[in-house]
Amino acid sequence: MKSNSTKILIRFDDISTHMNWDVWDKILLILKKHQVKPILAVIPKNEDKSLLKFAKIDDDIFWLKIKEYQSNGFGIAIHGYNHVYTTGDSGLLKFNKRSEFAGVDKKTQDLKIKNSINIFKKNSLNTNLFIAPAHSFDYITLDILKENGIQYISDGFFKSPKRYNTLSVIPQMHWSFKSIHGEIATICFHHNNWGDNELSVFEKNLKKYSKQIIDFEKIQMMKFNDIGVKDIIQLLFFQLRFKIFGYLKKIFS
């Protein structure tokens, strides 16, 4: 499918009490100006040391903001529990050798998901969307998500929406507007280290691709087909490509 017919979903990860709020406020203005409603991957109980270095806002204020974003049409996703990696397991996607979930026993994973959902409910938030930190999860994770009423996950190297068992999989294999392809492309951003240049490029691309950008609500109305043999081959191809790139990076770095 040509890139000019690809539907684009914008996603921001690592939304938590600790983050670059100055940059985030600027992003919100850009999003509002261009009427873009992204998916936000929200960490329920952030304990990631790499994120704790950023300025913190009050918990109650934070959750009021998240509730406001959801009321404005943003897709709100559970982004793990505490965003702390406890294993070196790359999970089903074989993308990053670190995980909060993959390789963790079922009891612990179930407790993490339940605690996350409870934190959301305590703050008057409901969601049916999950995003695993580091793109790392296993079959146990998927079973637990199903058992706890989660219907959608944003991840996977596919070119169109897929279905695994009762879970709907929204593919995510882009981190910029370059070389987008397929029926749908979720572009994942991490804003904490952005400066004026990144903000400018982001806004220019929102203008350029404005007719292709959709939101989570519209995604849910799309057709999700079962994962087939071609999809598995494609997944294996991407895993091999990432492995080769990683190997070459080690050689030439």
Protein backbone atom coordinates (compact mmCIF):
# COMPACT_ATOMS: atom_id res chain seq x y z
CA MET A 1 0.00 0.00 0.00
CA LYS A 2 1.33 3.43 -0.96
CA SER A 3 2.41 5.71 1.87
CA ASN A 4 -0.07 8.42 0.85
CA SER A 5 -2.94 6.00 1.57
CA THR A 6 -1.56 4.75 4.87
CA LYS A 7 -3.59 5.73 7.91
CA ILE A 8 -1.36 7.21 10.62
CA LEU A 9 -1.82 6.95 14.37
CA ILE A 10 0.32 9.15 16.64
CA ARG A 11 1.52 7.68 19.95
CA PHE A 12 3.47 9.17 22.85
CA ASP A 13 5.12 6.83 25.34
CA ASP A 14 6.28 7.23 28.95
CA ILE A 15 3.56 9.64 30.03
CA SER A 16 3.96 9.85 33.80
CA THR A 17 4.18 12.20 36.77
CA HIS A 18 7.90 12.55 36.00
CA MET A 19 8.55 13.87 32.49
CA ASN A 20 9.53 16.94 30.50
CA TRP A 21 6.40 18.97 31.16
CA ASP A 22 7.69 22.12 29.45
CA VAL A 23 8.06 20.28 26.16
CA TRP A 24 4.80 18.40 26.70
CA ASP A 25 2.85 21.63 27.08
CA LYS A 26 4.24 22.78 23.72
CA ILE A 27 3.28 19.46 22.15
CA LEU A 28 -0.26 19.82 23.45
CA LEU A 29 -0.57 23.20 21.76
CA ILE A 30 0.61 21.70 18.46
CA LEU A 31 -1.79 18.78 18.78
CA LYS A 32 -4.70 21.10 19.52
CA LYS A 33 -3.80 23.41 16.64
CA HIS A 34 -3.84 20.52 14.16
CA GLN A 35 -6.71 18.63 15.82
CA VAL A 36 -4.65 15.49 16.38
CA LYS A 37 -5.69 13.04 19.08
CA PRO A 38 -2.83 10.66 19.88
CA ILE A 39 -2.57 7.55 21.98
CA LEU A 40 -0.84 8.19 25.30
CA ALA A 41 1.02 5.32 26.97
CA VAL A 42 0.52 6.14 30.66
CA ILE A 43 2.69 4.60 33.37
CA PRO A 44 0.40 3.97 36.39
CA LYS A 45 3.13 3.95 39.06
CA ASN A 46 6.39 5.21 37.61
CA GLU A 47 9.51 3.88 39.32
CA ASP A 48 11.86 3.98 36.32
CA LYS A 49 15.05 5.75 37.46
CA SER A 50 15.72 7.07 33.95
CA LEU A 51 12.41 8.94 34.12
CA LEU A 52 12.54 10.00 37.77
CA LYS A 53 15.18 12.61 36.89
CA PHE A 54 12.49 14.73 35.23
CA ALA A 55 10.32 17.23 37.08
CA LYS A 56 7.38 15.71 38.96
CA ILE A 57 3.88 17.08 39.24
CA ASP A 58 1.39 16.22 41.97
CA ASP A 59 -0.27 12.82 41.51
CA ASP A 60 -3.80 14.19 41.74
CA ILE A 61 -3.05 16.91 39.18
CA PHE A 62 -1.47 14.32 36.89
CA TRP A 63 -4.52 12.06 36.88
CA LEU A 64 -6.84 15.01 36.36
CA LYS A 65 -4.79 15.86 33.27
CA ILE A 66 -5.02 12.28 31.96
CA LYS A 67 -8.76 12.29 32.54
CA GLU A 68 -9.02 15.58 30.62
CA TYR A 69 -6.96 14.18 27.74
CA GLN A 70 -9.29 11.19 27.51
CA SER A 71 -12.38 13.41 27.54
CA ASN A 72 -10.81 15.33 24.63
CA GLY A 73 -10.58 12.15 22.56
CA PHE A 74 -7.02 11.00 23.28
CA GLY A 75 -6.54 7.25 23.46
CA ILE A 76 -5.29 6.35 26.94
CA ALA A 77 -3.30 3.14 27.35
CA ILE A 78 -1.88 1.29 30.34
CA HIS A 79 1.90 1.33 29.84
CA GLY A 80 2.99 -1.48 32.10
CA TYR A 81 2.83 -0.93 35.86
CA ASN A 82 6.04 0.72 37.12
CA HIS A 83 8.13 0.66 33.91
CA VAL A 84 10.97 -1.16 35.66
CA TYR A 85 12.72 -3.93 33.70
CA THR A 86 13.33 -7.05 35.76
CA THR A 87 14.34 -9.56 33.07
CA GLY A 88 16.50 -9.68 29.95
CA ASP A 89 13.74 -11.45 28.03
CA SER A 90 12.87 -9.94 24.64
CA GLY A 91 9.46 -11.61 24.60
CA LEU A 92 7.46 -12.53 21.52
CA LEU A 93 8.67 -9.67 19.31
CA LYS A 94 12.40 -10.20 20.00
CA PHE A 95 13.00 -6.46 19.82
CA ASN A 96 14.55 -5.35 23.13
CA LYS A 97 16.38 -7.60 25.57
CA ARG A 98 14.67 -6.14 28.62
CA SER A 99 11.21 -6.46 30.02
CA GLU A 100 8.79 -5.70 32.81
CA PHE A 101 6.63 -8.67 31.78
CA ALA A 102 8.28 -11.25 29.48
CA GLY A 103 9.83 -14.07 31.49
CA VAL A 104 7.97 -13.08 34.65
CA ASP A 105 5.71 -15.64 36.38
CA LYS A 106 1.95 -15.45 35.85
CA LYS A 107 1.10 -14.46 39.43
CA THR A 108 3.40 -11.43 39.32
CA GLN A 109 2.25 -10.35 35.86
CA ASP A 110 -1.39 -10.68 36.87
CA LEU A 111 -0.79 -8.56 39.98
CA LYS A 112 0.92 -5.86 37.90
CA ILE A 113 -1.98 -5.68 35.43
CA LYS A 114 -4.61 -5.69 38.18
CA ASN A 115 -2.77 -2.97 40.13
CA SER A 116 -2.51 -0.86 36.97
CA ILE A 117 -6.21 -1.20 36.22
CA ASN A 118 -7.07 -0.38 39.84
CA ILE A 119 -4.99 2.81 39.75
CA PHE A 120 -6.82 3.86 36.61
CA LYS A 121 -10.22 3.09 38.15
CA LYS A 122 -9.29 4.90 41.36
CA ASN A 123 -8.77 7.99 39.22
CA SER A 124 -12.06 7.51 37.33
CA LEU A 125 -10.36 6.22 34.19
CA ASN A 126 -11.30 3.19 32.13
CA THR A 127 -9.30 1.83 29.23
CA ASN A 128 -9.22 -1.25 27.03
CA LEU A 129 -5.76 -0.57 25.60
CA PHE A 130 -2.35 -1.87 26.73
CA ILE A 131 1.20 -1.00 25.65
CA ALA A 132 4.08 -3.08 27.00
CA PRO A 133 7.27 -1.20 27.98
CA ALA A 134 10.15 -2.00 25.59
CA HIS A 135 7.76 -3.86 23.25
CA SER A 136 8.34 -6.91 25.40
CA PHE A 137 5.61 -9.32 26.49
CA ASP A 138 4.94 -13.05 26.26
CA TYR A 139 1.97 -15.42 25.88
CA ILE A 140 1.33 -15.22 29.61
CA THR A 141 0.95 -11.46 29.31
CA LEU A 142 -1.57 -11.82 26.49
CA ASP A 143 -3.62 -14.36 28.49
CA ILE A 144 -3.67 -12.08 31.53
CA LEU A 145 -4.69 -9.05 29.48
CA LYS A 146 -7.59 -11.07 28.07
CA GLU A 147 -8.61 -12.25 31.56
CA ASN A 148 -8.62 -8.66 32.81
CA GLY A 149 -10.79 -7.26 30.04
CA ILE A 150 -8.13 -5.60 27.89
CA GLN A 151 -9.18 -5.72 24.23
CA TYR A 152 -6.43 -3.85 22.36
CA ILE A 153 -2.63 -3.80 22.35
CA SER A 154 -0.51 -1.32 20.43
CA ASP A 155 2.50 -3.26 19.16
CA GLY A 156 3.66 -5.76 16.57
CA PHE A 157 5.38 -5.54 13.21
CA PHE A 158 2.37 -5.87 10.95
CA LYS A 159 1.05 -3.75 8.09
CA SER A 160 -2.61 -3.90 9.08
CA PRO A 161 -4.72 -4.43 12.22
CA LYS A 162 -4.63 -8.04 13.41
CA ARG A 163 -6.44 -10.26 15.85
CA TYR A 164 -4.85 -12.76 18.21
CA ASN A 165 -7.43 -14.83 20.03
CA THR A 166 -9.76 -12.12 21.41
CA LEU A 167 -7.09 -9.39 21.44
CA SER A 168 -7.01 -6.75 18.70
CA VAL A 169 -3.45 -5.84 17.69
CA ILE A 170 -2.77 -2.32 16.41
CA PRO A 171 0.63 -2.56 14.65
CA GLN A 172 3.48 -0.29 15.73
CA MET A 173 6.74 -0.38 13.79
CA HIS A 174 7.51 3.29 13.09
CA TRP A 175 9.32 5.92 15.13
CA SER A 176 9.21 8.72 12.57
CA PHE A 177 7.24 9.77 9.50
CA LYS A 178 9.93 8.32 7.23
CA SER A 179 9.09 5.33 5.03
CA ILE A 180 5.60 4.80 6.43
CA HIS A 181 3.71 2.02 4.66
CA GLY A 182 0.92 -0.48 5.06
CA GLU A 183 -2.75 -0.03 5.85
CA ILE A 184 -1.94 1.62 9.17
CA ALA A 185 1.24 3.00 10.72
CA THR A 186 1.51 3.85 14.40
CA ILE A 187 4.35 6.32 14.94
CA CYS A 188 5.76 6.14 18.46
CA PHE A 189 7.41 9.20 20.02
CA HIS A 190 9.37 9.76 23.24
CA HIS A 191 9.32 13.50 23.92
CA ASN A 192 11.42 13.91 27.07
CA ASN A 193 14.59 14.92 25.24
CA TRP A 194 12.96 16.99 22.52
CA GLY A 195 14.09 20.50 21.71
CA ASP A 196 12.88 23.21 19.34
CA ASN A 197 14.06 21.29 16.26
CA GLU A 198 12.09 18.14 17.13
CA LEU A 199 9.00 20.22 17.88
CA SER A 200 9.32 22.03 14.55
CA VAL A 201 9.77 18.81 12.55
CA PHE A 202 6.84 17.21 14.38
CA GLU A 203 4.51 20.09 13.52
CA LYS A 204 5.64 20.16 9.88
CA ASN A 205 4.84 16.48 9.56
CA LEU A 206 1.44 16.87 11.17
CA LYS A 207 0.67 19.46 8.48
CA LYS A 208 2.09 17.29 5.70
CA TYR A 209 0.19 14.14 6.68
CA SER A 210 -2.92 15.79 8.14
CA LYS A 211 -5.34 13.96 5.82
CA GLN A 212 -3.94 10.57 6.83
CA ILE A 213 -3.86 10.97 10.61
CA ILE A 214 -6.63 9.22 12.54
CA ASP A 215 -7.31 8.52 16.22
CA PHE A 216 -7.88 5.48 18.43
CA GLU A 217 -11.67 5.79 18.17
CA LYS A 218 -11.50 5.33 14.39
CA ILE A 219 -9.03 2.48 14.73
CA GLN A 220 -11.58 0.54 16.75
CA MET A 221 -13.98 0.68 13.78
CA MET A 222 -11.46 -0.93 11.42
CA LYS A 223 -11.46 -4.59 10.46
CA PHE A 224 -9.03 -6.79 12.41
CA ASN A 225 -8.05 -10.00 10.61
CA ASP A 226 -6.59 -13.08 12.28
CA ILE A 227 -2.80 -13.36 12.21
CA GLY A 228 -1.87 -15.67 9.30
CA VAL A 229 1.20 -17.36 7.89
CA LYS A 230 2.19 -14.28 5.85
CA ASP A 231 2.02 -12.15 8.99
CA ILE A 232 4.27 -14.55 10.89
CA ILE A 233 6.79 -14.55 8.02
CA GLN A 234 6.72 -10.75 8.00
CA LEU A 235 7.27 -10.68 11.77
CA LEU A 236 10.25 -13.03 11.43
CA PHE A 237 11.66 -10.83 8.67
CA PHE A 238 11.52 -7.73 10.86
CA GLN A 239 13.06 -9.61 13.78
CA LEU A 240 15.94 -10.73 11.54
CA ARG A 241 16.41 -7.20 10.20
CA PHE A 242 16.59 -5.72 13.69
CA LYS A 243 19.06 -8.42 14.74
CA ILE A 244 21.33 -7.65 11.75
CA PHE A 245 21.13 -3.90 12.39
CA GLY A 246 22.04 -4.49 16.03
CA TYR A 247 24.99 -6.67 15.05
CA LEU A 248 26.29 -4.10 12.54
CA LYS A 249 25.88 -1.31 15.09
CA LYS A 250 28.12 -3.21 17.54
CA ILE A 251 30.77 -3.73 14.86
CA PHE A 252 30.96 -0.13 13.68
CA SER A 253 30.33 1.69 16.95
